[in-house]
N, C-alpha and C. Protein backbone atom coordinates (compact mmCIF):
# COMPACT_ATOMS: atom_id res chain seq x y z
N MET A 1 -60.98 50.09 101.39
CA MET A 1 -59.15 49.87 101.25
C MET A 1 -58.91 50.51 102.36
N SER A 2 -57.90 50.06 103.12
CA SER A 2 -57.39 50.60 103.76
C SER A 2 -56.12 51.78 103.43
N LYS A 3 -55.85 52.77 103.80
CA LYS A 3 -55.14 54.28 103.76
C LYS A 3 -54.01 53.47 103.58
N MET A 4 -52.86 52.92 102.76
CA MET A 4 -51.81 52.35 102.95
C MET A 4 -50.44 52.77 102.77
N HIS A 5 -49.59 53.67 103.49
CA HIS A 5 -48.22 54.97 103.06
C HIS A 5 -46.97 53.74 103.50
N LEU A 6 -46.59 53.73 101.99
CA LEU A 6 -44.69 53.32 101.92
C LEU A 6 -43.87 54.28 102.51
N VAL A 7 -43.55 53.87 103.55
CA VAL A 7 -42.10 54.86 104.01
C VAL A 7 -40.83 53.98 103.29
N MET A 8 -39.98 54.96 102.58
CA MET A 8 -38.77 54.60 101.92
C MET A 8 -37.80 55.42 101.70
N GLY A 9 -36.79 55.08 101.34
CA GLY A 9 -35.89 56.13 101.07
C GLY A 9 -34.26 56.09 100.40
N GLY A 10 -33.85 56.80 99.98
CA GLY A 10 -32.24 56.40 99.67
C GLY A 10 -31.47 57.25 98.89
N ARG A 11 -30.26 57.22 98.48
CA ARG A 11 -28.81 58.10 97.96
C ARG A 11 -29.84 58.66 97.09
N VAL A 12 -30.09 60.02 96.28
CA VAL A 12 -30.28 60.79 95.17
C VAL A 12 -29.04 60.97 94.71
N THR A 13 -29.14 61.53 93.39
CA THR A 13 -28.42 62.00 92.84
C THR A 13 -28.48 63.49 93.29
N ASP A 14 -29.90 64.08 92.83
CA ASP A 14 -29.65 65.12 93.21
C ASP A 14 -30.47 65.78 94.31
N PRO A 15 -30.19 66.37 95.33
CA PRO A 15 -30.96 66.52 96.80
C PRO A 15 -32.22 67.49 96.41
N GLN A 16 -32.47 67.66 95.56
CA GLN A 16 -33.34 68.32 94.96
C GLN A 16 -35.00 67.74 94.36
N THR A 17 -34.34 66.56 93.97
CA THR A 17 -35.13 65.58 93.65
C THR A 17 -34.91 63.42 93.38
N LEU A 18 -35.88 63.13 93.28
CA LEU A 18 -36.27 62.46 93.65
C LEU A 18 -35.94 60.81 93.32
N ASP A 19 -34.80 61.36 92.42
CA ASP A 19 -33.93 60.51 91.20
C ASP A 19 -33.02 59.45 92.06
N PHE A 20 -33.48 58.61 92.41
CA PHE A 20 -32.32 57.57 93.58
C PHE A 20 -31.33 56.86 92.65
N GLN A 21 -30.15 57.25 93.32
CA GLN A 21 -28.76 56.74 92.17
C GLN A 21 -29.06 54.87 92.04
N ASP A 22 -29.53 54.06 93.00
CA ASP A 22 -29.02 52.56 93.25
C ASP A 22 -30.58 52.17 93.36
N LEU A 23 -31.49 51.89 92.67
CA LEU A 23 -32.98 51.23 93.38
C LEU A 23 -32.79 49.87 94.11
N SER A 24 -31.53 49.32 94.35
CA SER A 24 -31.34 47.99 94.54
C SER A 24 -30.70 48.06 96.17
N LYS A 25 -30.84 49.30 96.15
CA LYS A 25 -29.98 49.79 97.88
C LYS A 25 -31.21 51.06 98.12
N VAL A 26 -32.33 51.05 98.30
CA VAL A 26 -33.60 51.83 98.76
C VAL A 26 -33.81 51.06 99.66
N ASP A 27 -33.88 51.59 100.89
CA ASP A 27 -34.52 51.85 102.08
C ASP A 27 -36.20 51.22 102.17
N LEU A 28 -36.46 50.10 102.57
CA LEU A 28 -37.70 50.08 102.55
C LEU A 28 -38.41 50.24 104.16
N VAL A 29 -38.40 51.15 104.52
CA VAL A 29 -38.65 51.20 106.25
C VAL A 29 -39.77 50.45 106.26
N GLY A 30 -41.20 50.67 105.71
CA GLY A 30 -42.39 49.83 105.67
C GLY A 30 -43.52 50.39 105.07
N VAL A 31 -44.61 49.46 105.31
CA VAL A 31 -45.92 49.96 104.90
C VAL A 31 -47.13 50.24 105.99
N PHE A 32 -47.24 51.34 106.52
CA PHE A 32 -48.58 51.77 107.49
C PHE A 32 -49.51 52.31 106.85
N PRO A 33 -50.46 51.92 108.12
CA PRO A 33 -52.13 51.68 107.95
C PRO A 33 -52.30 53.10 107.88
N ASP A 34 -51.56 54.39 108.22
CA ASP A 34 -52.31 55.18 108.03
C ASP A 34 -50.98 56.69 107.89
N TYR A 35 -51.31 57.78 107.51
CA TYR A 35 -50.66 59.09 107.79
C TYR A 35 -49.49 59.20 109.18
N VAL A 36 -50.47 58.87 109.90
CA VAL A 36 -49.73 59.37 111.34
C VAL A 36 -48.53 58.66 111.97
N SER A 37 -48.75 57.16 111.57
CA SER A 37 -47.69 56.07 112.14
C SER A 37 -46.54 56.46 111.03
N ALA A 38 -47.34 56.44 109.74
CA ALA A 38 -46.01 56.86 108.07
C ALA A 38 -45.06 57.51 108.85
N GLU A 39 -45.88 58.79 109.05
CA GLU A 39 -44.95 59.99 109.72
C GLU A 39 -44.22 60.48 110.38
N LYS A 40 -44.26 59.01 111.65
CA LYS A 40 -43.49 58.72 112.41
C LYS A 40 -42.37 58.25 112.43
N ALA A 41 -42.39 57.38 111.16
CA ALA A 41 -41.81 55.88 111.12
C ALA A 41 -40.40 56.91 109.57
N TRP A 42 -41.17 58.14 109.51
CA TRP A 42 -40.49 58.83 108.11
C TRP A 42 -39.53 59.82 108.89
N ARG A 43 -39.95 59.88 110.03
CA ARG A 43 -39.53 61.32 110.69
C ARG A 43 -37.89 60.43 111.33
N SER A 44 -38.45 59.63 111.81
CA SER A 44 -37.24 58.65 112.44
C SER A 44 -35.79 58.18 111.75
N ALA A 45 -36.81 58.11 110.30
CA ALA A 45 -35.59 57.26 109.29
C ALA A 45 -35.08 58.64 108.64
N ALA A 46 -35.28 59.50 108.72
CA ALA A 46 -34.58 60.75 107.70
C ALA A 46 -33.89 61.51 109.12
N GLN A 47 -34.29 61.23 110.40
CA GLN A 47 -33.30 62.04 111.59
C GLN A 47 -32.00 61.26 111.55
N ARG A 48 -31.85 60.18 111.08
CA ARG A 48 -30.89 58.87 111.53
C ARG A 48 -30.03 60.21 110.07
N THR A 49 -30.16 60.26 108.97
CA THR A 49 -29.79 60.83 108.21
C THR A 49 -29.48 62.26 107.87
N VAL A 50 -29.88 63.06 108.54
CA VAL A 50 -30.11 64.01 108.65
C VAL A 50 -28.63 65.33 108.45
N ASP A 51 -27.72 64.64 108.20
CA ASP A 51 -26.24 65.29 108.04
C ASP A 51 -26.08 65.01 106.67
N ASP A 52 -26.41 63.95 106.19
CA ASP A 52 -26.20 63.60 104.90
C ASP A 52 -27.31 64.09 103.69
N ALA A 53 -26.75 65.41 102.66
CA ALA A 53 -27.71 66.03 101.63
C ALA A 53 -28.35 64.86 100.87
N GLU A 54 -27.46 63.68 100.45
CA GLU A 54 -27.99 63.25 99.27
C GLU A 54 -28.95 62.26 100.00
N MET A 55 -29.48 62.06 101.18
CA MET A 55 -30.15 60.68 101.66
C MET A 55 -31.76 61.84 101.55
N ARG A 56 -32.62 60.91 101.05
CA ARG A 56 -33.70 60.94 100.81
C ARG A 56 -34.98 59.82 101.36
N TYR A 57 -35.56 60.47 102.45
CA TYR A 57 -36.92 59.65 102.73
C TYR A 57 -38.11 60.14 102.42
N VAL A 58 -39.19 59.56 101.66
CA VAL A 58 -40.43 60.21 101.43
C VAL A 58 -41.63 59.31 102.27
N ILE A 59 -42.42 59.77 101.91
CA ILE A 59 -43.88 58.69 102.42
C ILE A 59 -45.07 58.71 101.42
N VAL A 60 -44.86 57.61 100.42
CA VAL A 60 -45.87 57.42 99.43
C VAL A 60 -47.25 56.75 99.28
N HIS A 61 -48.70 57.43 99.14
CA HIS A 61 -49.88 57.28 99.17
C HIS A 61 -49.74 56.06 98.44
N LEU A 62 -49.80 54.59 98.90
CA LEU A 62 -50.19 53.36 98.04
C LEU A 62 -50.94 53.70 98.01
N HIS A 63 -52.73 54.23 98.53
CA HIS A 63 -54.06 54.17 97.91
C HIS A 63 -54.37 54.89 97.52
N ARG A 64 -53.42 56.44 96.96
CA ARG A 64 -53.80 56.56 95.67
C ARG A 64 -53.40 56.21 94.29
N LEU A 65 -52.29 55.08 94.72
CA LEU A 65 -51.53 54.66 93.21
C LEU A 65 -52.58 53.64 92.76
N LEU A 66 -53.55 53.01 93.85
CA LEU A 66 -53.94 51.68 93.34
C LEU A 66 -55.35 52.25 93.07
N GLU A 67 -56.41 53.14 93.55
CA GLU A 67 -57.46 53.92 93.71
C GLU A 67 -57.28 54.90 93.30
N PRO A 68 -57.37 55.95 92.43
CA PRO A 68 -56.34 57.39 91.84
C PRO A 68 -58.00 57.88 91.75
N GLU A 69 -58.99 57.11 91.68
CA GLU A 69 -60.47 57.34 91.55
C GLU A 69 -60.71 58.23 92.82
N LEU A 70 -60.31 57.74 94.03
CA LEU A 70 -60.83 57.93 95.50
C LEU A 70 -60.35 59.20 95.82
N PRO A 71 -61.35 60.03 96.05
CA PRO A 71 -60.78 61.77 97.07
C PRO A 71 -59.76 61.33 98.04
N SER A 72 -58.96 62.45 97.90
CA SER A 72 -57.46 61.90 98.87
C SER A 72 -57.93 62.76 100.37
N ALA A 73 -58.90 63.23 100.30
CA ALA A 73 -59.81 63.81 101.82
C ALA A 73 -59.65 62.38 103.01
């Protein structure tokens, strides 16, 4: 299986959490085949909203959710 990574973000209720205010408004940046390309997309999305403390972007390791028994290396 490919090591798929999802980049997503949105407005959170508290900048120190990942509790999104409205899931229907989450920005799905995309799914990427490796961490390097996902990180590049994450940096680009996060940079656009750098002045908004309530906007948060994350990288989700989809391959870990789909097959949690695989080693993380």
